[in-house]
Amino acid sequence: MSLREVFAAARAEWTLMTFYQRFEHLVILVLTGLIAIVVVFAVWNLTLKILISILLTSSFDPTDYSIFQAIFGTILTVIIALEFKRSLLVVAERREGVVQVRTVILIALLAIVRKMIIIDLASTDATHLFALAVSILALGGVYWLVRDQDRREDIYQRERNRPLPPRAQG
C-alpha cells in the first residue's frame, strides 16, 4: 500500500469520526509520539551507560547484582514503555476500545516484575515481598480470567459467523 493510499484511507476514516473521536485520536497520537521519544532516549542512555562502563571502567562486571539490577531495571522500563505505546497504537487503529483491561494488567505485571528484579533484598522486609508476590498472583489470576473470557467470546463469534451446514435432501 502506497503512502498516498494510506493517507487517503486515514482521511476517509477521519471524516467518519465524531468530534470526540477525533479529539481522542489526536491525544492518542500525541501520547504515542511522546512515548516513542522517551523510549529512544532511554535506549540511547542505556547504550551509553553500558558502553562507557565497558570501555572506560575495567571493573565492569555484569554479574554484580547492583549492576544487574540497574541494567535489567532499565531494560524492563523500556519494555513497559514499548508495551504501553503498542496498546495506544491498537487504540489509534480503532481495533479495540480505549480501555483494554488485558494490556493494563500485563503492564502492571511487568512493572511488579521489574520491581522484584531491582529490589534490594537486604533492606526489604518480608511483608513487602509478600505483598508483591500476592499482587503478582492476583494480577496473574485476573489476566487468566480476562484471557479466558476473550477466548470464549472469540469462539462464540466464530460459531455465530460459521455458515450453516447444507440441509440433507430427501
C-alpha atoms as a PDB file:
ATOM      1  CA  MET A   1       0.000   0.000   0.000  1.00  0.00           C
ATOM      2  CA  SER A   2       1.470   3.316  -1.053  1.00  0.00           C
ATOM      3  CA  LEU A   3       1.770   6.323   1.222  1.00  0.00           C
ATOM      4  CA  ARG A   4      -0.874   8.157  -0.793  1.00  0.00           C
ATOM      5  CA  GLU A   5      -3.334   5.283  -0.260  1.00  0.00           C
ATOM      6  CA  VAL A   6      -2.593   5.230   3.460  1.00  0.00           C
ATOM      7  CA  PHE A   7      -3.321   8.957   3.768  1.00  0.00           C
ATOM      8  CA  ALA A   8      -6.484   8.614   1.670  1.00  0.00           C
ATOM      9  CA  ALA A   9      -7.749   5.810   3.910  1.00  0.00           C
ATOM     10  CA  ALA A  10      -6.897   7.821   7.048  1.00  0.00           C
ATOM     11  CA  ARG A  11      -8.671  10.884   5.663  1.00  0.00           C
ATOM     12  CA  ALA A  12     -11.769   8.819   4.819  1.00  0.00           C
ATOM     13  CA  GLU A  13     -11.770   7.333   8.315  1.00  0.00           C
ATOM     14  CA  TRP A  14     -11.259  10.794   9.868  1.00  0.00           C
ATOM     15  CA  THR A  15     -14.371  12.171   8.183  1.00  0.00           C
ATOM     16  CA  LEU A  16     -16.482   9.399   9.706  1.00  0.00           C
ATOM     17  CA  MET A  17     -15.345  10.209  13.262  1.00  0.00           C
ATOM     18  CA  THR A  18     -17.284  12.315  15.723  1.00  0.00           C
ATOM     19  CA  PHE A  19     -15.658  15.373  17.296  1.00  0.00           C
ATOM     20  CA  TYR A  20     -14.824  13.440  20.462  1.00  0.00           C
ATOM     21  CA  GLN A  21     -13.381  10.508  18.492  1.00  0.00           C
ATOM     22  CA  ARG A  22     -11.142  12.935  16.611  1.00  0.00           C
ATOM     23  CA  PHE A  23     -10.021  14.510  19.890  1.00  0.00           C
ATOM     24  CA  GLU A  24      -9.352  11.074  21.382  1.00  0.00           C
ATOM     25  CA  HIS A  25      -7.418  10.027  18.279  1.00  0.00           C
ATOM     26  CA  LEU A  26      -5.226  13.154  18.384  1.00  0.00           C
ATOM     27  CA  VAL A  27      -4.474  12.651  22.090  1.00  0.00           C
ATOM     28  CA  ILE A  28      -3.507   9.029  21.451  1.00  0.00           C
ATOM     29  CA  LEU A  29      -1.215  10.028  18.583  1.00  0.00           C
ATOM     30  CA  VAL A  30       0.492  12.722  20.703  1.00  0.00           C
ATOM     31  CA  LEU A  31       0.964  10.275  23.592  1.00  0.00           C
ATOM     32  CA  THR A  32       2.351   7.665  21.207  1.00  0.00           C
ATOM     33  CA  GLY A  33       4.860  10.163  19.854  1.00  0.00           C
ATOM     34  CA  LEU A  34       5.937  11.248  23.344  1.00  0.00           C
ATOM     35  CA  ILE A  35       6.371   7.654  24.492  1.00  0.00           C
ATOM     36  CA  ALA A  36       8.407   6.897  21.365  1.00  0.00           C
ATOM     37  CA  ILE A  37      10.715   9.822  22.186  1.00  0.00           C
ATOM     38  CA  VAL A  38      11.101   8.596  25.769  1.00  0.00           C
ATOM     39  CA  VAL A  39      11.890   5.061  24.549  1.00  0.00           C
ATOM     40  CA  VAL A  40      14.518   6.322  22.090  1.00  0.00           C
ATOM     41  CA  PHE A  41      16.248   8.389  24.791  1.00  0.00           C
ATOM     42  CA  ALA A  42      16.037   5.552  27.326  1.00  0.00           C
ATOM     43  CA  VAL A  43      17.660   3.110  24.892  1.00  0.00           C
ATOM     44  CA  TRP A  44      20.298   5.700  23.979  1.00  0.00           C
ATOM     45  CA  ASN A  45      21.013   6.373  27.669  1.00  0.00           C
ATOM     46  CA  LEU A  46      21.245   2.640  28.452  1.00  0.00           C
ATOM     47  CA  THR A  47      23.562   2.070  25.492  1.00  0.00           C
ATOM     48  CA  LEU A  48      25.852   4.914  26.546  1.00  0.00           C
ATOM     49  CA  LYS A  49      25.980   3.738  30.167  1.00  0.00           C
ATOM     50  CA  ILE A  50      26.872   0.185  29.160  1.00  0.00           C
ATOM     51  CA  LEU A  51      29.468   1.229  26.561  1.00  0.00           C
ATOM     52  CA  ILE A  52      31.080   3.770  28.895  1.00  0.00           C
ATOM     53  CA  SER A  53      31.150   1.202  31.693  1.00  0.00           C
ATOM     54  CA  ILE A  54      32.759  -1.395  29.432  1.00  0.00           C
ATOM     55  CA  LEU A  55      35.249   0.893  27.679  1.00  0.00           C
ATOM     56  CA  LEU A  56      36.276   3.279  30.447  1.00  0.00           C
ATOM     57  CA  THR A  57      35.947   1.118  33.519  1.00  0.00           C
ATOM     58  CA  SER A  58      37.871  -2.088  33.797  1.00  0.00           C
ATOM     59  CA  SER A  59      35.762  -3.104  36.774  1.00  0.00           C
ATOM     60  CA  PHE A  60      32.547  -3.607  34.766  1.00  0.00           C
ATOM     61  CA  ASP A  61      31.074  -6.877  35.990  1.00  0.00           C
ATOM     62  CA  PRO A  62      27.565  -7.612  34.685  1.00  0.00           C
ATOM     63  CA  THR A  63      27.236 -10.451  37.191  1.00  0.00           C
ATOM     64  CA  ASP A  64      27.492  -7.953  40.044  1.00  0.00           C
ATOM     65  CA  TYR A  65      23.972  -7.785  41.484  1.00  0.00           C
ATOM     66  CA  SER A  66      23.766  -3.992  41.650  1.00  0.00           C
ATOM     67  CA  ILE A  67      24.874  -3.651  38.009  1.00  0.00           C
ATOM     68  CA  PHE A  68      22.464  -6.426  37.008  1.00  0.00           C
ATOM     69  CA  GLN A  69      19.654  -4.617  38.813  1.00  0.00           C
ATOM     70  CA  ALA A  70      20.400  -1.310  37.117  1.00  0.00           C
ATOM     71  CA  ILE A  71      20.735  -2.754  33.615  1.00  0.00           C
ATOM     72  CA  PHE A  72      17.687  -5.012  33.717  1.00  0.00           C
ATOM     73  CA  GLY A  73      15.627  -2.435  35.555  1.00  0.00           C
ATOM     74  CA  THR A  74      16.243  -0.017  32.699  1.00  0.00           C
ATOM     75  CA  ILE A  75      15.591  -2.692  30.062  1.00  0.00           C
ATOM     76  CA  LEU A  76      12.284  -3.627  31.686  1.00  0.00           C
ATOM     77  CA  THR A  77      11.338   0.047  31.902  1.00  0.00           C
ATOM     78  CA  VAL A  78      11.850   0.318  28.133  1.00  0.00           C
ATOM     79  CA  ILE A  79       9.812  -2.863  27.585  1.00  0.00           C
ATOM     80  CA  ILE A  80       6.982  -1.456  29.711  1.00  0.00           C
ATOM     81  CA  ALA A  81       7.031   1.778  27.704  1.00  0.00           C
ATOM     82  CA  LEU A  82       7.007  -0.169  24.430  1.00  0.00           C
ATOM     83  CA  GLU A  83       4.040  -2.256  25.559  1.00  0.00           C
ATOM     84  CA  PHE A  84       2.213   0.892  26.600  1.00  0.00           C
ATOM     85  CA  LYS A  85       2.965   2.504  23.217  1.00  0.00           C
ATOM     86  CA  ARG A  86       1.764  -0.609  21.398  1.00  0.00           C
ATOM     87  CA  SER A  87      -1.510  -0.562  23.319  1.00  0.00           C
ATOM     88  CA  LEU A  88      -2.017   3.067  22.310  1.00  0.00           C
ATOM     89  CA  LEU A  89      -1.356   2.208  18.673  1.00  0.00           C
ATOM     90  CA  VAL A  90      -4.025  -0.503  18.831  1.00  0.00           C
ATOM     91  CA  VAL A  91      -6.478   2.125  20.064  1.00  0.00           C
ATOM     92  CA  ALA A  92      -5.337   4.570  17.369  1.00  0.00           C
ATOM     93  CA  GLU A  93      -6.025   1.965  14.691  1.00  0.00           C
ATOM     94  CA  ARG A  94      -9.524   1.585  16.155  1.00  0.00           C
ATOM     95  CA  ARG A  95      -9.221  -2.162  16.551  1.00  0.00           C
ATOM     96  CA  GLU A  96     -10.499  -2.014  20.103  1.00  0.00           C
ATOM     97  CA  GLY A  97     -11.919   0.446  22.606  1.00  0.00           C
ATOM     98  CA  VAL A  98      -9.909   2.783  24.787  1.00  0.00           C
ATOM     99  CA  VAL A  99      -9.854   0.577  27.874  1.00  0.00           C
ATOM    100  CA  GLN A 100      -8.001  -2.654  27.244  1.00  0.00           C
ATOM    101  CA  VAL A 101      -8.020  -4.494  30.515  1.00  0.00           C
ATOM    102  CA  ARG A 102      -5.673  -7.241  29.379  1.00  0.00           C
ATOM    103  CA  THR A 103      -2.980  -4.751  28.330  1.00  0.00           C
ATOM    104  CA  VAL A 104      -3.301  -2.754  31.558  1.00  0.00           C
ATOM    105  CA  ILE A 105      -2.912  -5.955  33.582  1.00  0.00           C
ATOM    106  CA  LEU A 106       0.103  -7.009  31.513  1.00  0.00           C
ATOM    107  CA  ILE A 107       1.772  -3.634  32.043  1.00  0.00           C
ATOM    108  CA  ALA A 108       1.074  -3.841  35.786  1.00  0.00           C
ATOM    109  CA  LEU A 109       2.588  -7.343  35.876  1.00  0.00           C
ATOM    110  CA  LEU A 110       5.679  -6.116  34.040  1.00  0.00           C
ATOM    111  CA  ALA A 111       6.030  -3.215  36.478  1.00  0.00           C
ATOM    112  CA  ILE A 112       5.826  -5.517  39.504  1.00  0.00           C
ATOM    113  CA  VAL A 113       8.287  -7.985  37.968  1.00  0.00           C
ATOM    114  CA  ARG A 114      10.635  -5.058  37.323  1.00  0.00           C
ATOM    115  CA  LYS A 115      10.264  -4.063  40.970  1.00  0.00           C
ATOM    116  CA  MET A 116      11.059  -7.633  42.049  1.00  0.00           C
ATOM    117  CA  ILE A 117      14.219  -7.655  39.922  1.00  0.00           C
ATOM    118  CA  ILE A 118      15.577  -4.315  41.153  1.00  0.00           C
ATOM    119  CA  ILE A 119      14.577  -4.709  44.792  1.00  0.00           C
ATOM    120  CA  ASP A 120      17.367  -4.820  47.340  1.00  0.00           C
ATOM    121  CA  LEU A 121      16.629  -7.972  49.311  1.00  0.00           C
ATOM    122  CA  ALA A 122      18.942  -6.991  52.146  1.00  0.00           C
ATOM    123  CA  SER A 123      16.947  -3.889  53.026  1.00  0.00           C
ATOM    124  CA  THR A 124      13.441  -5.132  52.198  1.00  0.00           C
ATOM    125  CA  ASP A 125      11.231  -6.705  54.820  1.00  0.00           C
ATOM    126  CA  ALA A 126       9.265  -9.898  54.266  1.00  0.00           C
ATOM    127  CA  THR A 127       5.856  -8.209  54.284  1.00  0.00           C
ATOM    128  CA  HIS A 128       6.861  -6.043  51.325  1.00  0.00           C
ATOM    129  CA  LEU A 129       7.975  -9.125  49.365  1.00  0.00           C
ATOM    130  CA  PHE A 130       4.794 -10.947  50.360  1.00  0.00           C
ATOM    131  CA  ALA A 131       2.680  -8.012  49.146  1.00  0.00           C
ATOM    132  CA  LEU A 132       4.493  -8.014  45.794  1.00  0.00           C
ATOM    133  CA  ALA A 133       4.035 -11.779  45.469  1.00  0.00           C
ATOM    134  CA  VAL A 134       0.315 -11.528  46.252  1.00  0.00           C
ATOM    135  CA  SER A 135      -0.001  -8.716  43.721  1.00  0.00           C
ATOM    136  CA  ILE A 136       1.621 -10.862  41.043  1.00  0.00           C
ATOM    137  CA  LEU A 137      -0.666 -13.793  41.837  1.00  0.00           C
ATOM    138  CA  ALA A 138      -3.771 -11.593  41.848  1.00  0.00           C
ATOM    139  CA  LEU A 139      -2.872  -9.888  38.566  1.00  0.00           C
ATOM    140  CA  GLY A 140      -1.984 -13.264  37.044  1.00  0.00           C
ATOM    141  CA  GLY A 141      -5.374 -14.620  38.052  1.00  0.00           C
ATOM    142  CA  VAL A 142      -7.201 -11.616  36.643  1.00  0.00           C
ATOM    143  CA  TYR A 143      -5.158 -11.846  33.426  1.00  0.00           C
ATOM    144  CA  TRP A 144      -6.101 -15.512  33.099  1.00  0.00           C
ATOM    145  CA  LEU A 145      -9.790 -14.736  33.671  1.00  0.00           C
ATOM    146  CA  VAL A 146      -9.781 -11.909  31.116  1.00  0.00           C
ATOM    147  CA  ARG A 147      -7.903 -14.018  28.572  1.00  0.00           C
ATOM    148  CA  ASP A 148     -10.298 -16.915  29.137  1.00  0.00           C
ATOM    149  CA  GLN A 149     -13.296 -14.597  28.674  1.00  0.00           C
ATOM    150  CA  ASP A 150     -11.783 -13.209  25.447  1.00  0.00           C
ATOM    151  CA  ARG A 151     -11.213 -16.771  24.214  1.00  0.00           C
ATOM    152  CA  ARG A 152     -14.845 -17.701  24.923  1.00  0.00           C
ATOM    153  CA  GLU A 153     -16.059 -14.580  23.119  1.00  0.00           C
ATOM    154  CA  ASP A 154     -13.874 -15.433  20.099  1.00  0.00           C
ATOM    155  CA  ILE A 155     -15.304 -18.969  19.996  1.00  0.00           C
ATOM    156  CA  TYR A 156     -18.826 -17.570  20.251  1.00  0.00           C
ATOM    157  CA  GLN A 157     -18.168 -15.132  17.381  1.00  0.00           C
ATOM    158  CA  ARG A 158     -16.724 -17.902  15.200  1.00  0.00           C
ATOM    159  CA  GLU A 159     -19.722 -20.122  15.927  1.00  0.00           C
ATOM    160  CA  ARG A 160     -22.111 -17.285  15.116  1.00  0.00           C
ATOM    161  CA  ASN A 161     -20.401 -16.436  11.840  1.00  0.00           C
ATOM    162  CA  ARG A 162     -19.965 -20.021  10.667  1.00  0.00           C
ATOM    163  CA  PRO A 163     -22.207 -20.867   7.716  1.00  0.00           C
ATOM    164  CA  LEU A 164     -24.890 -23.415   8.388  1.00  0.00           C
ATOM    165  CA  PRO A 165     -24.269 -26.915   7.002  1.00  0.00           C
ATOM    166  CA  PRO A 166     -26.250 -27.776   3.868  1.00  0.00           C
ATOM    167  CA  ARG A 167     -29.570 -29.472   4.533  1.00  0.00           C
ATOM    168  CA  ALA A 168     -29.905 -33.092   3.678  1.00  0.00           C
ATOM    169  CA  GLN A 169     -32.025 -33.574   0.603  1.00  0.00           C
ATOM    170  CA  GLY A 170     -34.665 -36.185   0.928  1.00  0.00           C
END
